[in-house]
């Protein structure tokens, strides 16, 4: 019988302990933006944690207790590893994420200890295995293990990080051990992926990173949207996307910092495709609501389909206001004709243009003709490689455009071996099994929040 099945704190108790948690965070040394603590305040030894705070109950997971001290420490770990600055506004999001992760870990350890007793095997990772994982993290941060541990201790998050790592190592070991040998990747699955890769060569593709906020996991769509908005604001202010994804994303790509690699047009939900069509490489999306949650997308790169033709362009131009007189236009035209009369090539255009006062030349890069302004598109479609257009009038001025080359768009079909495809499908299936297993554990558990 489930007395309270809760994926996130309910509104009534969502921050019934908020003041105590805030006090615990500040007492442990985590600055909260917008709180009474200021940067100018003199440094002082961290106060002893009040007994009431350290021993209060934040949640009960079957027979295991999650204390407010545990919760405060996990919140500090999220703050330290995500790069998101804590504020009065996003403190509820930190508490929600911290509580969800602690509840899931309690369920995992309970299940693993039961299996250990029944099967008389060791599954839960040892201290030595956790130390090895910490050493890998230290190398990734260009530190020695001793330096890394000292930093974690100074931030007060070593204990919480060790338990997080122990749970991750142990759980994946159990999932692989129980289900890995049973999984079979069929030849039809591999051929379907190969066919998809070949077909994708003719479509635009996007290199993206993602954060997915699962609405069911965080207590509803409103929480998901509000949390996503706060994360976007923090990333715009400098929080690293990969660090945010690792701590807040519910997508399988979270462990890789949200890296979803290259995806072809049509492979994503329509809402995501619409957003990507309007983005440029280097842009971060606003929260994108889908049926079961909210996405934040970072477009790292974009390439056209192999069927498209890209043209490489250069230009020489004279700036003119939109309301320029006929005399000004005639003067600019004469200057650009001087450039054309000197018979420049694409390689020499900048040098030749520099000899005519008022003319500026530059590289426009590559583009599909359909993406150009009407005047440029018409000229490009009639020019051969190496040819220059006549003067073209736009709102910005007068231009001479040169076609410096053409090539097929996109890239050659991704060369992926059969073994790589099989490993990818194997990993995806294990991830699905793990998520289903956790869903079943939550459904059968008694979880109470205080």
Protein backbone atom coordinates (compact mmCIF):
# COMPACT_ATOMS: atom_id res chain seq x y z
CA UNK A 1 0.00 0.00 0.00
CA UNK A 2 1.35 3.38 -0.98
CA UNK A 3 0.70 6.09 1.59
CA UNK A 4 2.26 8.85 -0.51
CA UNK A 5 3.84 8.31 -3.90
CA UNK A 6 5.64 11.58 -4.59
CA UNK A 7 8.20 12.36 -7.32
CA UNK A 8 8.77 15.87 -5.96
CA UNK A 9 7.80 17.80 -2.80
CA UNK A 10 4.16 18.87 -2.74
CA UNK A 11 3.23 22.55 -2.53
CA UNK A 12 2.27 22.41 1.15
CA UNK A 13 5.60 20.96 2.20
CA UNK A 14 7.60 22.12 -0.77
CA UNK A 15 9.42 24.53 1.41
CA UNK A 16 8.06 23.92 4.86
CA UNK A 17 11.72 23.34 5.71
CA UNK A 18 12.97 26.06 3.33
CA UNK A 19 14.23 28.38 6.03
CA UNK A 20 16.10 25.56 7.76
CA UNK A 21 17.67 24.45 4.47
CA UNK A 22 18.69 27.99 3.62
CA UNK A 23 20.26 28.31 7.04
CA UNK A 24 22.05 24.99 6.59
CA UNK A 25 23.43 26.06 3.21
CA UNK A 26 24.64 29.41 4.48
CA UNK A 27 26.08 27.89 7.65
CA UNK A 28 28.01 25.43 5.51
CA UNK A 29 29.43 28.24 3.42
CA UNK A 30 27.27 28.35 0.28
CA UNK A 31 26.54 32.00 -0.64
CA UNK A 32 22.93 32.60 -1.65
CA UNK A 33 22.43 35.48 -4.05
CA UNK A 34 19.81 37.84 -2.76
CA UNK A 35 20.12 36.62 0.83
CA UNK A 36 21.36 38.64 3.78
CA UNK A 37 24.87 37.25 3.33
CA UNK A 38 27.14 39.68 1.44
CA UNK A 39 30.50 39.38 -0.25
CA UNK A 40 31.86 42.08 2.09
CA UNK A 41 30.97 40.17 5.24
CA UNK A 42 34.11 39.16 7.16
CA UNK A 43 35.05 35.52 6.86
CA UNK A 44 34.28 33.45 9.92
CA UNK A 45 34.58 29.79 10.82
CA UNK A 46 31.58 27.76 9.67
CA UNK A 47 29.14 27.58 12.59
CA UNK A 48 28.38 24.21 14.09
CA UNK A 49 25.27 22.80 12.41
CA UNK A 50 22.29 23.16 14.78
CA UNK A 51 21.16 19.78 16.02
CA UNK A 52 17.58 20.42 14.91
CA UNK A 53 18.63 21.03 11.33
CA UNK A 54 20.97 18.09 10.98
CA UNK A 55 18.48 15.60 12.44
CA UNK A 56 15.20 16.83 10.94
CA UNK A 57 13.49 14.49 8.49
CA UNK A 58 13.08 15.67 4.89
CA UNK A 59 11.66 12.39 3.57
CA UNK A 60 11.08 8.76 4.48
CA UNK A 61 11.72 6.19 1.73
CA UNK A 62 10.21 2.92 2.93
CA UNK A 63 12.19 2.58 6.16
CA UNK A 64 15.09 4.89 5.26
CA UNK A 65 15.28 8.51 6.34
CA UNK A 66 16.54 11.41 4.22
CA UNK A 67 17.55 14.13 6.67
CA UNK A 68 17.52 17.85 6.00
CA UNK A 69 21.28 17.72 6.49
CA UNK A 70 21.56 15.16 3.65
CA UNK A 71 19.31 17.38 1.55
CA UNK A 72 21.34 20.52 2.22
CA UNK A 73 24.58 18.70 1.35
CA UNK A 74 23.13 17.39 -1.93
CA UNK A 75 21.89 20.89 -2.77
CA UNK A 76 25.41 22.19 -2.21
CA UNK A 77 26.73 19.46 -4.52
CA UNK A 78 24.31 20.54 -7.25
CA UNK A 79 25.39 24.15 -6.81
CA UNK A 80 29.09 23.27 -6.88
CA UNK A 81 28.93 21.01 -9.93
CA UNK A 82 26.29 22.71 -12.11
CA UNK A 83 27.72 26.23 -12.20
CA UNK A 84 24.23 27.60 -11.46
CA UNK A 85 24.30 30.39 -8.88
CA UNK A 86 21.81 29.85 -6.05
CA UNK A 87 19.16 32.53 -5.57
CA UNK A 88 16.00 32.82 -3.53
CA UNK A 89 14.10 32.13 -6.79
CA UNK A 90 15.88 28.92 -7.84
CA UNK A 91 16.38 27.46 -4.36
CA UNK A 92 13.12 25.44 -4.72
CA UNK A 93 14.49 23.89 -7.92
CA UNK A 94 17.71 22.88 -6.16
CA UNK A 95 15.72 21.33 -3.32
CA UNK A 96 13.43 19.45 -5.69
CA UNK A 97 16.32 18.02 -7.73
CA UNK A 98 18.31 17.16 -4.60
CA UNK A 99 15.36 15.37 -2.99
CA UNK A 100 14.54 13.42 -6.16
CA UNK A 101 18.12 12.20 -6.51
CA UNK A 102 18.36 11.22 -2.83
CA UNK A 103 15.03 9.33 -2.94
CA UNK A 104 16.13 7.45 -6.07
CA UNK A 105 19.46 6.54 -4.46
CA UNK A 106 17.72 5.22 -1.34
CA UNK A 107 15.49 3.04 -3.54
CA UNK A 108 18.49 1.77 -5.50
CA UNK A 109 20.50 0.89 -2.39
CA UNK A 110 17.49 -0.84 -0.83
CA UNK A 111 17.01 -2.96 -3.94
CA UNK A 112 20.71 -3.77 -4.23
CA UNK A 113 21.04 -4.79 -0.58
CA UNK A 114 18.02 -7.08 -0.96
CA UNK A 115 19.63 -8.72 -4.00
CA UNK A 116 22.94 -9.08 -2.16
CA UNK A 117 21.18 -10.89 0.71
CA UNK A 118 19.15 -13.15 -1.56
CA UNK A 119 21.90 -14.07 -3.98
CA UNK A 120 24.86 -13.77 -1.59
CA UNK A 121 26.84 -11.59 -4.02
CA UNK A 122 28.55 -8.21 -3.76
CA UNK A 123 27.05 -5.47 -5.92
CA UNK A 124 27.45 -2.20 -4.03
CA UNK A 125 30.66 -0.44 -5.00
CA UNK A 126 33.51 -0.44 -2.50
CA UNK A 127 35.36 2.63 -1.24
CA UNK A 128 38.25 1.70 -3.52
CA UNK A 129 36.00 1.73 -6.58
CA UNK A 130 34.58 5.11 -5.61
CA UNK A 131 38.15 6.39 -5.15
CA UNK A 132 38.97 5.25 -8.70
CA UNK A 133 35.99 7.17 -10.05
CA UNK A 134 37.03 10.25 -8.09
CA UNK A 135 40.54 9.92 -9.51
CA UNK A 136 39.09 9.95 -13.05
CA UNK A 137 37.11 13.08 -12.22
CA UNK A 138 40.26 14.64 -10.82
CA UNK A 139 42.14 13.96 -14.06
CA UNK A 140 39.27 15.51 -15.99
CA UNK A 141 39.71 18.65 -13.89
CA UNK A 142 43.53 18.64 -14.27
CA UNK A 143 44.04 17.88 -10.57
CA UNK A 144 45.65 15.16 -8.55
CA UNK A 145 43.25 12.98 -6.52
CA UNK A 146 44.52 14.67 -3.36
CA UNK A 147 43.88 18.16 -4.75
CA UNK A 148 40.43 17.17 -5.96
CA UNK A 149 39.43 15.68 -2.62
CA UNK A 150 40.73 18.74 -0.79
CA UNK A 151 38.61 20.97 -3.02
CA UNK A 152 35.52 18.81 -2.42
CA UNK A 153 36.11 18.86 1.32
CA UNK A 154 36.52 22.63 1.30
CA UNK A 155 33.16 22.94 -0.44
CA UNK A 156 31.57 20.44 1.92
CA UNK A 157 30.39 18.10 -0.83
CA UNK A 158 32.80 15.14 -0.75
CA UNK A 159 30.50 12.85 1.23
CA UNK A 160 27.49 13.59 -0.96
CA UNK A 161 29.47 13.13 -4.18
CA UNK A 162 30.88 9.81 -2.97
CA UNK A 163 27.39 8.49 -2.27
CA UNK A 164 26.15 9.72 -5.65
CA UNK A 165 29.01 7.95 -7.42
CA UNK A 166 28.58 4.79 -5.34
CA UNK A 167 24.92 4.63 -6.34
CA UNK A 168 25.67 5.21 -10.04
CA UNK A 169 28.45 2.59 -10.19
CA UNK A 170 26.46 -0.01 -8.24
CA UNK A 171 23.19 0.45 -10.10
CA UNK A 172 24.67 0.22 -13.57
CA UNK A 173 26.68 -2.83 -12.51
CA UNK A 174 23.45 -4.53 -11.42
CA UNK A 175 21.52 -3.56 -14.57
CA UNK A 176 24.32 -4.82 -16.83
CA UNK A 177 24.77 -7.98 -14.80
CA UNK A 178 21.08 -8.88 -14.70
CA UNK A 179 19.99 -7.81 -18.18
CA UNK A 180 23.10 -7.35 -20.30
CA UNK A 181 23.55 -11.00 -21.25
CA UNK A 182 19.87 -11.29 -22.19
CA UNK A 183 19.86 -8.43 -24.67
CA UNK A 184 20.08 -9.37 -28.32
CA UNK A 185 20.48 -6.77 -31.03
CA UNK A 186 18.85 -8.14 -34.17
CA UNK A 187 20.21 -7.81 -37.67
CA UNK A 188 17.03 -5.99 -38.68
CA UNK A 189 17.70 -3.33 -36.03
CA UNK A 190 21.23 -2.78 -37.30
CA UNK A 191 20.10 -2.58 -40.92
CA UNK A 192 17.39 -0.08 -39.98
CA UNK A 193 20.00 2.19 -38.40
CA UNK A 194 22.30 1.85 -41.41
CA UNK A 195 19.43 2.75 -43.76
CA UNK A 196 18.57 5.76 -41.59
CA UNK A 197 22.18 6.97 -41.67
CA UNK A 198 22.28 6.70 -45.45
CA UNK A 199 18.95 8.52 -45.86
CA UNK A 200 20.01 11.27 -43.46
CA UNK A 201 22.89 12.28 -45.73
CA UNK A 202 20.41 14.16 -47.94
CA UNK A 203 18.74 16.01 -45.06
CA UNK A 204 19.90 18.99 -43.02
CA UNK A 205 21.44 17.85 -39.77
CA UNK A 206 22.09 19.51 -36.44
CA UNK A 207 24.77 18.96 -33.82
CA UNK A 208 22.99 19.59 -30.55
CA UNK A 209 23.21 19.34 -26.81
CA UNK A 210 20.05 18.95 -24.76
CA UNK A 211 18.59 19.31 -21.30
CA UNK A 212 15.27 17.56 -20.71
CA UNK A 213 13.15 18.33 -17.67
CA UNK A 214 10.72 15.45 -17.12
CA UNK A 215 7.40 16.95 -15.98
CA UNK A 216 6.32 13.81 -14.12
CA UNK A 217 9.64 13.66 -12.28
CA UNK A 218 9.56 17.27 -11.03
CA UNK A 219 5.90 17.43 -10.04
CA UNK A 220 4.10 18.75 -13.11
CA UNK A 221 4.51 20.80 -16.28
CA UNK A 222 4.41 24.13 -14.43
CA UNK A 223 7.43 23.13 -12.34
CA UNK A 224 9.20 21.88 -15.47
CA UNK A 225 8.64 25.14 -17.37
CA UNK A 226 9.64 27.33 -14.41
CA UNK A 227 12.74 25.24 -13.77
CA UNK A 228 13.75 25.35 -17.43
CA UNK A 229 13.35 29.13 -17.53
CA UNK A 230 15.63 29.48 -14.51
CA UNK A 231 18.25 27.20 -16.07
CA UNK A 232 18.20 29.17 -19.35
CA UNK A 233 18.74 32.40 -17.41
CA UNK A 234 21.67 30.86 -15.52
CA UNK A 235 23.27 29.51 -18.71
CA UNK A 236 22.91 32.91 -20.37
CA UNK A 237 24.80 34.28 -17.38
CA UNK A 238 27.63 31.78 -17.81
CA UNK A 239 26.66 28.44 -16.25
CA UNK A 240 28.23 25.69 -18.44
CA UNK A 241 25.63 23.80 -20.48
CA UNK A 242 27.33 20.42 -19.94
CA UNK A 243 27.45 20.86 -16.15
CA UNK A 244 23.78 21.87 -16.03
CA UNK A 245 22.82 18.88 -18.18
CA UNK A 246 24.68 16.42 -15.95
CA UNK A 247 22.83 17.55 -12.83
CA UNK A 248 19.38 18.56 -14.07
CA UNK A 249 18.62 16.65 -17.30
CA UNK A 250 16.48 13.53 -17.27
CA UNK A 251 17.57 12.54 -20.79
CA UNK A 252 19.93 9.56 -21.35
CA UNK A 253 22.48 12.09 -22.68
CA UNK A 254 22.85 13.68 -19.24
CA UNK A 255 25.92 11.57 -18.42
CA UNK A 256 27.62 12.97 -21.54
CA UNK A 257 26.85 16.56 -20.61
CA UNK A 258 23.75 16.58 -22.81
CA UNK A 259 25.68 15.79 -26.00
CA UNK A 260 23.18 14.26 -28.45
CA UNK A 261 25.59 14.38 -31.40
CA UNK A 262 24.33 14.90 -34.95
CA UNK A 263 20.61 14.43 -35.58
CA UNK A 264 18.88 14.68 -38.95
CA UNK A 265 15.84 16.79 -39.73
CA UNK A 266 12.69 14.80 -39.03
CA UNK A 267 14.24 12.68 -36.27
CA UNK A 268 13.09 15.04 -33.52
CA UNK A 269 9.72 16.08 -32.14
CA UNK A 270 8.02 18.72 -34.32
CA UNK A 271 8.36 21.30 -31.53
CA UNK A 272 12.15 20.82 -31.47
CA UNK A 273 12.43 20.86 -35.26
CA UNK A 274 10.54 24.17 -35.45
CA UNK A 275 12.90 25.72 -32.91
CA UNK A 276 16.04 24.41 -34.64
CA UNK A 277 14.92 25.76 -38.02
CA UNK A 278 14.97 29.25 -36.51
CA UNK A 279 18.31 28.94 -34.70
CA UNK A 280 21.88 29.64 -35.72
CA UNK A 281 24.93 27.68 -34.51
CA UNK A 282 25.99 28.88 -31.09
CA UNK A 283 22.47 29.76 -29.99
CA UNK A 284 20.63 28.52 -26.91
CA UNK A 285 16.89 27.91 -27.24
CA UNK A 286 14.20 29.11 -24.93
CA UNK A 287 12.36 26.29 -23.08
CA UNK A 288 10.53 24.10 -25.60
CA UNK A 289 7.46 22.37 -24.17
CA UNK A 290 6.65 18.87 -25.42
CA UNK A 291 4.07 16.33 -24.29
CA UNK A 292 5.94 14.97 -21.28
CA UNK A 293 8.31 17.76 -20.33
CA UNK A 294 10.48 20.66 -21.44
CA UNK A 295 13.64 20.75 -23.57
CA UNK A 296 16.44 23.27 -23.70
CA UNK A 297 18.52 22.92 -26.87
CA UNK A 298 21.98 24.28 -27.63
CA UNK A 299 22.71 24.25 -31.38
CA UNK A 300 26.44 23.65 -31.71
CA UNK A 301 26.62 23.27 -35.50
CA UNK A 302 24.42 22.82 -38.55
CA UNK A 303 25.04 21.38 -42.00
CA UNK A 304 22.95 21.20 -45.14
CA UNK A 305 21.86 17.99 -46.76
CA UNK A 306 24.10 16.42 -49.40
CA UNK A 307 21.51 17.31 -52.05
CA UNK A 308 21.98 21.04 -51.40
CA UNK A 309 24.57 23.21 -53.17
CA UNK A 310 26.61 25.69 -51.18
CA UNK A 311 28.22 28.73 -52.78
CA UNK A 312 31.24 30.54 -51.35
CA UNK A 313 30.90 34.29 -51.76
CA UNK A 314 32.97 37.45 -51.45
CA UNK A 315 31.85 41.02 -51.93
CA UNK A 316 33.07 44.57 -52.45
CA UNK A 317 30.67 47.17 -51.11
CA UNK A 318 30.05 50.86 -50.54
CA UNK A 319 27.79 51.74 -47.61
CA UNK A 320 24.77 53.86 -48.56
CA UNK A 321 21.70 54.89 -46.60
CA UNK A 322 18.35 53.68 -47.88
CA UNK A 323 17.41 57.27 -48.77
CA UNK A 324 20.67 57.97 -50.70
CA UNK A 325 20.36 60.38 -53.62
CA UNK A 326 20.86 59.36 -57.22
CA UNK A 327 24.18 61.23 -57.20
CA UNK A 328 25.41 59.17 -54.22
CA UNK A 329 24.33 55.96 -55.89
CA UNK A 330 26.08 56.99 -59.11
CA UNK A 331 29.30 57.79 -57.20
CA UNK A 332 29.22 54.41 -55.42
CA UNK A 333 28.55 52.65 -58.73
CA UNK A 334 31.57 54.32 -60.30
CA UNK A 335 33.80 53.17 -57.42
CA UNK A 336 32.65 49.55 -57.73
CA UNK A 337 33.14 49.65 -61.50
CA UNK A 338 36.73 50.75 -60.85
CA UNK A 339 37.20 47.61 -58.79
CA UNK A 340 35.68 45.44 -61.52
CA UNK A 341 37.82 47.13 -64.20
CA UNK A 342 40.98 46.02 -62.38
CA UNK A 343 39.89 42.41 -63.02
CA UNK A 344 40.24 41.05 -59.50
CA UNK A 345 40.06 37.40 -58.64
CA UNK A 346 38.47 35.99 -55.49
CA UNK A 347 41.92 35.77 -53.93
CA UNK A 348 42.86 39.38 -54.79
CA UNK A 349 39.51 41.10 -54.23
CA UNK A 350 40.37 42.58 -50.84
CA UNK A 351 43.70 43.88 -52.09
CA UNK A 352 42.20 45.48 -55.22
CA UNK A 353 39.27 47.01 -53.30
CA UNK A 354 41.68 48.63 -50.85
CA UNK A 355 43.03 50.80 -53.71
CA UNK A 356 39.62 52.48 -54.24
CA UNK A 357 38.61 54.90 -51.45
CA UNK A 358 35.32 54.08 -49.75
CA UNK A 359 35.16 50.46 -50.93
CA UNK A 360 35.26 47.66 -48.38
CA UNK A 361 35.68 44.01 -49.36
CA UNK A 362 35.23 40.82 -47.37
CA UNK A 363 34.42 37.12 -47.29
CA UNK A 364 30.73 36.24 -46.93
CA UNK A 365 31.40 32.55 -46.31
CA UNK A 366 29.17 29.76 -47.62
CA UNK A 367 25.41 29.76 -48.08
CA UNK A 368 22.64 28.03 -49.94
CA UNK A 369 21.29 30.30 -52.70
CA UNK A 370 17.77 30.00 -51.29
CA UNK A 371 18.94 31.61 -48.04
CA UNK A 372 20.32 34.74 -49.78
CA UNK A 373 18.51 38.05 -50.23
CA UNK A 374 16.58 38.26 -53.54
CA UNK A 375 19.18 40.50 -55.26
CA UNK A 376 22.10 38.27 -54.25
CA UNK A 377 20.23 35.06 -55.07
CA UNK A 378 19.39 36.22 -58.61
CA UNK A 379 23.00 37.20 -59.24
CA UNK A 380 24.47 33.98 -57.84
CA UNK A 381 22.17 31.81 -59.94
CA UNK A 382 23.44 33.45 -63.16
CA UNK A 383 27.16 33.65 -62.33
CA UNK A 384 29.81 31.03 -63.04
CA UNK A 385 32.56 30.30 -60.55
CA UNK A 386 35.06 33.16 -60.45
CA UNK A 387 32.67 35.71 -61.98
CA UNK A 388 31.65 39.05 -60.47
CA UNK A 389 28.15 40.57 -60.53
CA UNK A 390 27.33 44.11 -61.48
CA UNK A 391 26.50 46.59 -58.67
CA UNK A 392 23.54 45.35 -56.58
CA UNK A 393 21.45 47.73 -54.49
CA UNK A 394 20.30 46.74 -50.98
CA UNK A 395 19.13 48.64 -47.92
CA UNK A 396 22.72 48.61 -46.63
CA UNK A 397 24.42 49.97 -49.73
CA UNK A 398 25.79 48.94 -53.12
CA UNK A 399 27.53 45.60 -53.61
CA UNK A 400 29.50 43.59 -56.14
CA UNK A 401 29.32 39.86 -55.40
CA UNK A 402 31.77 37.17 -56.54
CA UNK A 403 31.09 33.44 -56.67
CA UNK A 404 34.32 31.86 -55.45
CA UNK A 405 33.25 28.23 -55.65
CA UNK A 406 30.46 25.72 -55.23
CA UNK A 407 30.25 22.37 -53.48
CA UNK A 408 27.72 19.78 -52.46
CA UNK A 409 26.24 20.51 -49.08
CA UNK A 410 26.36 18.36 -46.00
CA UNK A 411 28.97 15.73 -45.40
CA UNK A 412 29.56 12.21 -46.57
CA UNK A 413 27.31 9.71 -44.90
CA UNK A 414 28.52 9.05 -41.40
CA UNK A 415 30.89 6.12 -41.41
CA UNK A 416 29.69 3.98 -38.54
CA UNK A 417 30.76 0.40 -38.18
CA UNK A 418 28.37 -2.43 -37.46
CA UNK A 419 29.97 -2.84 -34.05
CA UNK A 420 29.45 0.83 -33.20
CA UNK A 421 25.77 0.59 -34.14
CA UNK A 422 25.34 -2.56 -32.07
CA UNK A 423 27.01 -0.95 -29.04
CA UNK A 424 24.84 2.15 -29.39
CA UNK A 425 21.62 0.10 -29.52
CA UNK A 426 22.80 -2.02 -26.61
CA UNK A 427 23.40 1.08 -24.48
CA UNK A 428 20.01 2.55 -25.39
CA UNK A 429 18.21 -0.63 -24.38
CA UNK A 430 20.03 -0.81 -21.05
CA UNK A 431 19.07 2.80 -20.35
CA UNK A 432 15.41 2.05 -21.08
CA UNK A 433 15.50 -0.99 -18.80
CA UNK A 434 17.04 1.04 -15.99
CA UNK A 435 14.41 3.79 -16.27
CA UNK A 436 11.59 1.21 -16.29
CA UNK A 437 13.10 -0.54 -13.27
CA UNK A 438 13.27 2.75 -11.35
CA UNK A 439 9.69 3.60 -12.31
CA UNK A 440 8.54 0.26 -10.86
CA UNK A 441 10.52 0.79 -7.65
CA UNK A 442 8.95 4.22 -7.16
CA UNK A 443 5.47 2.87 -7.85
CA UNK A 444 5.75 0.14 -5.21
CA UNK A 445 7.52 2.26 -2.58
CA UNK A 446 6.14 4.21 0.35
CA UNK A 447 7.61 7.68 0.00
CA UNK A 448 6.66 10.45 2.39
CA UNK A 449 7.94 14.01 2.37
CA UNK A 450 7.82 16.17 5.50
